[in-house]
Amino acid sequence: YSYCQCRYGERKRKVTLPFFVYLRDILERKAVYTAKIMRRREQREHIFKLLFMTEFNSEEEMSEQLSLYFDTLEELSEKDQEYMSRKYRHVLEKLDEIDALLNETSNGWKTKRMSRVDLTALRLAVYELKYDKDVPTGVAINEAVELAKRFGGETSGSFVNGILGKIANSESEEKSE
């Protein structure tokens, strides 16, 4: 038995030590678990940053930039790094198809004219909408809008939302036919 420290004026209570040992173990496991596993939103933000870097670096430079970027992330698990680099590569593989869809959907706004932040958020979201079945449509759109608001200009969020809304509507119409 051990005595629990209580608030001023209260009597100390007896508690069993195994409970505290058990509680400590749970808290330690939870701390290790939350520290090592990155949330999808964080992963998506890192993928966004990597795709944005692609706009300014050649393919040869990007392999080195990719490893340097991952080295700067603290406590990055191997699983998270593999997921992010795999998704990054998959987006790059589908880039021509994604850009063609964006050019077709955005009236008066070709990809060459779009802000690089907006374009990067759109590319990632379109990839998730069309090719990544693990990401629900609403989540892909919402996350892209949040990235555009955070890293883009004043109207970036509504611009990205409008284009992705058109793409999502056309996708749902194609599925219903």
Protein backbone atom coordinates (compact mmCIF):
# COMPACT_ATOMS: atom_id res chain seq x y z
CA TYR A 1 0.00 0.00 0.00
CA SER A 2 0.94 3.58 -0.57
CA TYR A 3 -0.72 6.82 0.39
CA CYS A 4 -2.12 9.09 -2.29
CA GLN A 5 -1.39 12.81 -2.04
CA CYS A 6 -4.71 14.63 -1.80
CA ARG A 7 -5.76 18.26 -1.82
CA TYR A 8 -5.16 20.39 1.23
CA GLY A 9 -7.39 19.44 4.13
CA GLU A 10 -8.34 16.00 2.85
CA ARG A 11 -7.32 12.77 4.46
CA LYS A 12 -4.77 10.69 2.68
CA ARG A 13 -6.18 7.58 1.09
CA LYS A 14 -4.64 4.17 0.83
CA VAL A 15 -4.17 2.90 -2.70
CA THR A 16 -2.52 -0.22 -3.95
CA LEU A 17 0.79 0.07 -5.75
CA PRO A 18 -0.15 -2.22 -8.63
CA PHE A 19 -2.71 0.35 -9.74
CA PHE A 20 -0.04 3.05 -10.02
CA VAL A 21 2.30 0.67 -11.82
CA TYR A 22 -0.50 -0.23 -14.21
CA LEU A 23 -1.39 3.44 -14.79
CA ARG A 24 2.25 4.37 -15.39
CA ASP A 25 2.62 1.54 -17.92
CA ILE A 26 -0.48 2.65 -19.81
CA LEU A 27 0.70 6.26 -19.93
CA GLU A 28 4.16 5.26 -21.11
CA ARG A 29 2.73 3.05 -23.85
CA LYS A 30 0.39 5.82 -24.96
CA ALA A 31 3.24 8.34 -25.06
CA VAL A 32 5.35 6.01 -27.18
CA TYR A 33 2.42 5.26 -29.46
CA THR A 34 1.45 8.89 -30.05
CA ALA A 35 5.03 10.05 -30.47
CA LYS A 36 5.91 7.53 -33.16
CA ILE A 37 2.79 7.49 -35.33
CA MET A 38 2.10 10.53 -37.41
CA ARG A 39 -1.47 11.49 -38.17
CA ARG A 40 -2.69 11.44 -41.78
CA ARG A 41 -3.14 15.22 -41.76
CA GLU A 42 0.52 15.69 -40.86
CA GLN A 43 1.57 13.16 -43.48
CA ARG A 44 -0.55 14.93 -46.09
CA GLU A 45 1.06 18.27 -45.19
CA HIS A 46 4.54 16.79 -45.61
CA ILE A 47 3.55 15.27 -48.97
CA PHE A 48 2.19 18.69 -49.98
CA LYS A 49 5.52 20.32 -49.07
CA LEU A 50 7.46 17.69 -51.03
CA LEU A 51 5.25 18.20 -54.09
CA PHE A 52 5.70 21.95 -53.75
CA MET A 53 9.49 21.50 -53.65
CA THR A 54 9.22 19.58 -56.92
CA GLU A 55 8.16 22.82 -58.62
CA PHE A 56 11.56 24.37 -57.83
CA ASN A 57 13.96 21.42 -58.17
CA SER A 58 14.93 19.11 -61.00
CA GLU A 59 14.30 15.37 -60.81
CA GLU A 60 17.97 14.70 -60.04
CA GLU A 61 17.95 17.20 -57.17
CA MET A 62 14.68 15.93 -55.74
CA SER A 63 16.08 12.56 -54.67
CA GLU A 64 18.65 14.35 -52.53
CA GLN A 65 16.10 16.93 -51.37
CA LEU A 66 13.75 14.12 -50.37
CA SER A 67 16.32 12.45 -48.13
CA LEU A 68 17.35 15.82 -46.64
CA TYR A 69 13.72 16.66 -45.93
CA PHE A 70 13.11 13.36 -44.15
CA ASP A 71 16.29 13.83 -42.12
CA THR A 72 14.96 17.13 -40.74
CA LEU A 73 11.76 15.54 -39.40
CA GLU A 74 12.06 14.57 -35.76
CA GLU A 75 11.10 11.06 -34.66
CA LEU A 76 9.91 10.01 -38.10
CA SER A 77 9.05 6.34 -38.14
CA GLU A 78 10.10 4.20 -41.06
CA LYS A 79 6.47 3.36 -41.74
CA ASP A 80 5.50 7.03 -42.02
CA GLN A 81 8.46 7.82 -44.25
CA GLU A 82 7.62 4.91 -46.54
CA TYR A 83 3.96 5.97 -46.76
CA MET A 84 4.85 9.58 -47.57
CA SER A 85 7.50 8.77 -50.16
CA ARG A 86 5.25 6.16 -51.81
CA LYS A 87 2.32 8.58 -52.07
CA TYR A 88 4.64 11.34 -53.29
CA ARG A 89 5.96 9.06 -56.07
CA HIS A 90 2.44 7.96 -57.02
CA VAL A 91 1.28 11.57 -57.39
CA LEU A 92 4.27 12.33 -59.62
CA GLU A 93 3.51 9.26 -61.75
CA LYS A 94 -0.06 10.48 -62.37
CA LEU A 95 0.88 14.16 -62.76
CA ASP A 96 0.09 14.40 -66.48
CA GLU A 97 -3.36 12.86 -66.01
CA ILE A 98 -4.05 15.07 -62.99
CA ASP A 99 -2.98 18.24 -64.82
CA ALA A 100 -5.12 17.29 -67.85
CA LEU A 101 -8.15 16.88 -65.57
CA LEU A 102 -7.43 20.21 -63.85
CA ASN A 103 -7.04 22.00 -67.20
CA GLU A 104 -10.30 20.48 -68.41
CA THR A 105 -12.22 21.36 -65.23
CA SER A 106 -10.96 24.86 -64.44
CA ASN A 107 -12.51 27.29 -66.90
CA GLY A 108 -10.11 30.11 -67.75
CA TRP A 109 -7.44 28.80 -65.37
CA LYS A 110 -4.84 26.53 -66.89
CA THR A 111 -2.30 24.90 -64.57
CA LYS A 112 0.46 27.20 -65.89
CA ARG A 113 -1.52 30.22 -64.67
CA MET A 114 -2.43 28.89 -61.22
CA SER A 115 -0.52 29.76 -58.07
CA ARG A 116 1.94 27.01 -57.21
CA VAL A 117 0.43 26.53 -53.76
CA ASP A 118 -3.08 26.14 -55.19
CA LEU A 119 -1.83 23.84 -57.93
CA THR A 120 0.03 21.64 -55.44
CA ALA A 121 -3.01 21.36 -53.15
CA LEU A 122 -5.20 20.54 -56.17
CA ARG A 123 -2.81 17.91 -57.49
CA LEU A 124 -2.67 16.11 -54.16
CA ALA A 125 -6.44 16.26 -53.72
CA VAL A 126 -7.19 15.08 -57.26
CA TYR A 127 -4.83 12.17 -56.76
CA GLU A 128 -6.67 11.25 -53.55
CA LEU A 129 -10.08 11.64 -55.23
CA LYS A 130 -9.29 9.54 -58.28
CA TYR A 131 -6.63 7.04 -57.26
CA ASP A 132 -6.53 6.69 -53.46
CA LYS A 133 -9.67 4.83 -52.42
CA ASP A 134 -8.70 4.97 -48.72
CA VAL A 135 -9.43 8.71 -48.59
CA PRO A 136 -13.11 9.74 -48.63
CA THR A 137 -14.07 12.50 -51.06
CA GLY A 138 -15.04 14.98 -48.35
CA VAL A 139 -11.78 14.47 -46.48
CA ALA A 140 -9.68 14.99 -49.63
CA ILE A 141 -11.51 18.23 -50.47
CA ASN A 142 -11.47 19.55 -46.90
CA GLU A 143 -7.77 18.83 -46.41
CA ALA A 144 -6.86 20.49 -49.72
CA VAL A 145 -8.89 23.58 -48.82
CA GLU A 146 -7.16 23.74 -45.42
CA LEU A 147 -3.72 23.44 -47.04
CA ALA A 148 -4.60 26.17 -49.55
CA LYS A 149 -5.85 28.47 -46.78
CA ARG A 150 -2.78 27.85 -44.66
CA PHE A 151 -0.12 28.22 -47.33
CA GLY A 152 -1.89 30.20 -50.08
CA GLY A 153 -3.46 33.58 -50.59
CA GLU A 154 -6.78 35.03 -49.45
CA THR A 155 -8.89 33.38 -52.13
CA SER A 156 -6.96 30.12 -52.37
CA GLY A 157 -9.38 28.15 -50.21
CA SER A 158 -12.47 29.05 -52.23
CA PHE A 159 -10.63 28.56 -55.54
CA VAL A 160 -9.47 25.07 -54.57
CA ASN A 161 -12.89 24.22 -53.15
CA GLY A 162 -14.65 25.27 -56.37
CA ILE A 163 -12.45 23.21 -58.67
CA LEU A 164 -12.50 20.14 -56.44
CA GLY A 165 -16.28 20.44 -56.06
CA LYS A 166 -16.64 20.32 -59.86
CA ILE A 167 -14.36 17.30 -60.09
CA ALA A 168 -16.17 15.48 -57.28
CA ASN A 169 -19.56 16.18 -58.87
CA SER A 170 -18.41 14.90 -62.25
CA GLU A 171 -16.96 11.79 -60.57
CA SER A 172 -20.23 11.06 -58.77
CA GLU A 173 -22.21 11.57 -62.00
CA GLU A 174 -19.93 9.11 -63.82
CA LYS A 175 -20.45 6.52 -61.08
CA SER A 176 -24.24 6.89 -61.14
CA GLU A 177 -24.43 6.41 -64.91
